[in-house]
């Protein structure tokens, strides 16, 4: 849901206002921030206290994200070449960074919570 909402914001506001490279960069950074915030807020509810659980959750989120991306692209009839084009840094695209943040978010936010306690 976060990525879809971010995509709507990117297409309707950021790209028309900022242009392609800048709009894509801002969109990527916004999505990374949203993932970190949701992860921070969700950790107590998810009750993942051990490091191994936090790493597993991040990898699970990454797996779900990639599964959704590739499945949705297949349903739209996109070729593998078209799908993989999103995994480059062309024109300010930060999608690879978003994927790394997705995988690391539970562990990073757990560490932040530990420091705040």
C-alpha atoms as a PDB file:
ATOM      1  CA  UNK A   1       0.000   0.000   0.000  1.00  0.00           C
ATOM      2  CA  UNK A   2       2.839   2.383   0.792  1.00  0.00           C
ATOM      3  CA  UNK A   3       4.490   1.843  -2.569  1.00  0.00           C
ATOM      4  CA  UNK A   4       1.220   2.258  -4.445  1.00  0.00           C
ATOM      5  CA  UNK A   5       0.407   5.490  -2.596  1.00  0.00           C
ATOM      6  CA  UNK A   6       3.939   6.696  -3.219  1.00  0.00           C
ATOM      7  CA  UNK A   7       3.539   5.859  -6.916  1.00  0.00           C
ATOM      8  CA  UNK A   8       0.378   7.938  -7.110  1.00  0.00           C
ATOM      9  CA  UNK A   9       2.170  10.850  -5.408  1.00  0.00           C
ATOM     10  CA  UNK A  10       5.148  10.442  -7.747  1.00  0.00           C
ATOM     11  CA  UNK A  11       3.085  10.353 -10.946  1.00  0.00           C
ATOM     12  CA  UNK A  12       0.578  13.069 -10.017  1.00  0.00           C
ATOM     13  CA  UNK A  13       2.747  15.558  -8.113  1.00  0.00           C
ATOM     14  CA  UNK A  14       6.484  14.862  -7.974  1.00  0.00           C
ATOM     15  CA  UNK A  15       7.266  14.153 -11.630  1.00  0.00           C
ATOM     16  CA  UNK A  16       5.140  17.006 -13.033  1.00  0.00           C
ATOM     17  CA  UNK A  17       6.601  19.420 -10.474  1.00  0.00           C
ATOM     18  CA  UNK A  18      10.235  18.317 -10.185  1.00  0.00           C
ATOM     19  CA  UNK A  19      10.897  16.510 -13.445  1.00  0.00           C
ATOM     20  CA  UNK A  20      12.148  12.992 -14.004  1.00  0.00           C
ATOM     21  CA  UNK A  21      15.403  12.576 -12.101  1.00  0.00           C
ATOM     22  CA  UNK A  22      14.499  14.756  -9.117  1.00  0.00           C
ATOM     23  CA  UNK A  23      10.961  13.415  -8.837  1.00  0.00           C
ATOM     24  CA  UNK A  24      12.215   9.829  -8.860  1.00  0.00           C
ATOM     25  CA  UNK A  25      14.839  10.577  -6.214  1.00  0.00           C
ATOM     26  CA  UNK A  26      12.335  12.291  -3.919  1.00  0.00           C
ATOM     27  CA  UNK A  27       9.853   9.471  -4.458  1.00  0.00           C
ATOM     28  CA  UNK A  28      12.471   6.860  -3.558  1.00  0.00           C
ATOM     29  CA  UNK A  29      13.503   8.734  -0.433  1.00  0.00           C
ATOM     30  CA  UNK A  30       9.880   9.202   0.643  1.00  0.00           C
ATOM     31  CA  UNK A  31       9.199   5.492   0.207  1.00  0.00           C
ATOM     32  CA  UNK A  32      12.323   4.588   2.202  1.00  0.00           C
ATOM     33  CA  UNK A  33      11.203   6.910   5.010  1.00  0.00           C
ATOM     34  CA  UNK A  34       7.699   5.428   5.002  1.00  0.00           C
ATOM     35  CA  UNK A  35       9.088   1.882   5.199  1.00  0.00           C
ATOM     36  CA  UNK A  36      11.288   2.826   8.144  1.00  0.00           C
ATOM     37  CA  UNK A  37       8.441   4.577   9.970  1.00  0.00           C
ATOM     38  CA  UNK A  38       6.021   1.685   9.495  1.00  0.00           C
ATOM     39  CA  UNK A  39       8.700  -0.759  10.559  1.00  0.00           C
ATOM     40  CA  UNK A  40       9.425   1.252  13.702  1.00  0.00           C
ATOM     41  CA  UNK A  41       5.740   1.411  14.610  1.00  0.00           C
ATOM     42  CA  UNK A  42       5.001  -2.227  13.744  1.00  0.00           C
ATOM     43  CA  UNK A  43       7.840  -3.925  15.609  1.00  0.00           C
ATOM     44  CA  UNK A  44       6.144  -4.001  19.038  1.00  0.00           C
ATOM     45  CA  UNK A  45       2.924  -5.275  17.490  1.00  0.00           C
ATOM     46  CA  UNK A  46       4.785  -7.948  15.521  1.00  0.00           C
ATOM     47  CA  UNK A  47       6.724  -8.989  18.641  1.00  0.00           C
ATOM     48  CA  UNK A  48      10.005  -9.615  16.849  1.00  0.00           C
ATOM     49  CA  UNK A  49      12.552  -9.185  19.614  1.00  0.00           C
ATOM     50  CA  UNK A  50      15.413 -11.419  18.537  1.00  0.00           C
ATOM     51  CA  UNK A  51      17.908 -10.359  15.893  1.00  0.00           C
ATOM     52  CA  UNK A  52      17.310 -13.513  13.899  1.00  0.00           C
ATOM     53  CA  UNK A  53      13.565 -12.728  13.791  1.00  0.00           C
ATOM     54  CA  UNK A  54      14.251  -9.156  12.702  1.00  0.00           C
ATOM     55  CA  UNK A  55      16.509 -10.303   9.848  1.00  0.00           C
ATOM     56  CA  UNK A  56      13.984 -12.954   8.855  1.00  0.00           C
ATOM     57  CA  UNK A  57      11.171 -10.388   8.831  1.00  0.00           C
ATOM     58  CA  UNK A  58      13.177  -8.027   6.627  1.00  0.00           C
ATOM     59  CA  UNK A  59      13.967 -10.800   4.168  1.00  0.00           C
ATOM     60  CA  UNK A  60      10.321 -11.892   4.217  1.00  0.00           C
ATOM     61  CA  UNK A  61       9.225  -8.326   3.411  1.00  0.00           C
ATOM     62  CA  UNK A  62      11.786  -8.224   0.601  1.00  0.00           C
ATOM     63  CA  UNK A  63      10.521 -11.560  -0.742  1.00  0.00           C
ATOM     64  CA  UNK A  64       6.908 -10.310  -0.659  1.00  0.00           C
ATOM     65  CA  UNK A  65       7.888  -7.076  -2.410  1.00  0.00           C
ATOM     66  CA  UNK A  66       9.767  -8.875  -5.163  1.00  0.00           C
ATOM     67  CA  UNK A  67       6.982 -11.428  -5.521  1.00  0.00           C
ATOM     68  CA  UNK A  68       4.420  -8.675  -5.912  1.00  0.00           C
ATOM     69  CA  UNK A  69       6.568  -6.751  -8.393  1.00  0.00           C
ATOM     70  CA  UNK A  70       7.281  -9.699 -10.653  1.00  0.00           C
ATOM     71  CA  UNK A  71       3.732 -11.096 -10.427  1.00  0.00           C
ATOM     72  CA  UNK A  72       2.127  -7.731 -11.182  1.00  0.00           C
ATOM     73  CA  UNK A  73       4.508  -7.171 -14.099  1.00  0.00           C
ATOM     74  CA  UNK A  74       3.698 -10.622 -15.476  1.00  0.00           C
ATOM     75  CA  UNK A  75      -0.037  -9.897 -15.244  1.00  0.00           C
ATOM     76  CA  UNK A  76       0.550  -6.701 -17.211  1.00  0.00           C
ATOM     77  CA  UNK A  77       2.447  -8.634 -19.868  1.00  0.00           C
ATOM     78  CA  UNK A  78       5.791  -6.945 -19.213  1.00  0.00           C
ATOM     79  CA  UNK A  79       8.924  -8.719 -20.329  1.00  0.00           C
ATOM     80  CA  UNK A  80      11.687  -9.607 -17.914  1.00  0.00           C
ATOM     81  CA  UNK A  81      13.874  -6.945 -19.545  1.00  0.00           C
ATOM     82  CA  UNK A  82      11.208  -4.301 -18.820  1.00  0.00           C
ATOM     83  CA  UNK A  83      10.881  -5.440 -15.207  1.00  0.00           C
ATOM     84  CA  UNK A  84      14.622  -5.506 -14.607  1.00  0.00           C
ATOM     85  CA  UNK A  85      14.972  -1.970 -15.997  1.00  0.00           C
ATOM     86  CA  UNK A  86      13.445  -0.756 -12.718  1.00  0.00           C
ATOM     87  CA  UNK A  87      16.409  -2.287 -10.887  1.00  0.00           C
ATOM     88  CA  UNK A  88      18.866   0.270 -12.217  1.00  0.00           C
ATOM     89  CA  UNK A  89      19.616   3.800 -11.072  1.00  0.00           C
ATOM     90  CA  UNK A  90      18.594   5.293 -14.420  1.00  0.00           C
ATOM     91  CA  UNK A  91      16.907   8.725 -14.308  1.00  0.00           C
ATOM     92  CA  UNK A  92      17.096   8.982 -10.525  1.00  0.00           C
ATOM     93  CA  UNK A  93      15.442   5.622  -9.862  1.00  0.00           C
ATOM     94  CA  UNK A  94      16.194   4.509  -6.282  1.00  0.00           C
ATOM     95  CA  UNK A  95      14.259   1.218  -6.396  1.00  0.00           C
ATOM     96  CA  UNK A  96      17.346  -0.888  -5.539  1.00  0.00           C
ATOM     97  CA  UNK A  97      17.886   1.304  -2.463  1.00  0.00           C
ATOM     98  CA  UNK A  98      14.223   0.866  -1.483  1.00  0.00           C
ATOM     99  CA  UNK A  99      14.682  -2.909  -1.630  1.00  0.00           C
ATOM    100  CA  UNK A 100      17.750  -2.753   0.612  1.00  0.00           C
ATOM    101  CA  UNK A 101      15.896  -0.517   3.080  1.00  0.00           C
ATOM    102  CA  UNK A 102      12.971  -2.951   3.046  1.00  0.00           C
ATOM    103  CA  UNK A 103      15.261  -5.830   3.983  1.00  0.00           C
ATOM    104  CA  UNK A 104      17.146  -3.882   6.658  1.00  0.00           C
ATOM    105  CA  UNK A 105      14.259  -1.904   8.171  1.00  0.00           C
ATOM    106  CA  UNK A 106      13.185  -4.318  10.936  1.00  0.00           C
ATOM    107  CA  UNK A 107      16.733  -4.698  12.255  1.00  0.00           C
ATOM    108  CA  UNK A 108      17.582  -0.997  11.937  1.00  0.00           C
ATOM    109  CA  UNK A 109      14.395   0.115  13.638  1.00  0.00           C
ATOM    110  CA  UNK A 110      14.799  -2.495  16.393  1.00  0.00           C
ATOM    111  CA  UNK A 111      18.244  -1.061  17.106  1.00  0.00           C
ATOM    112  CA  UNK A 112      16.777   2.433  17.189  1.00  0.00           C
ATOM    113  CA  UNK A 113      14.088   1.283  19.628  1.00  0.00           C
ATOM    114  CA  UNK A 114      16.727  -0.395  21.813  1.00  0.00           C
ATOM    115  CA  UNK A 115      18.717   2.833  22.020  1.00  0.00           C
ATOM    116  CA  UNK A 116      15.647   4.852  22.946  1.00  0.00           C
ATOM    117  CA  UNK A 117      14.751   2.540  25.829  1.00  0.00           C
END
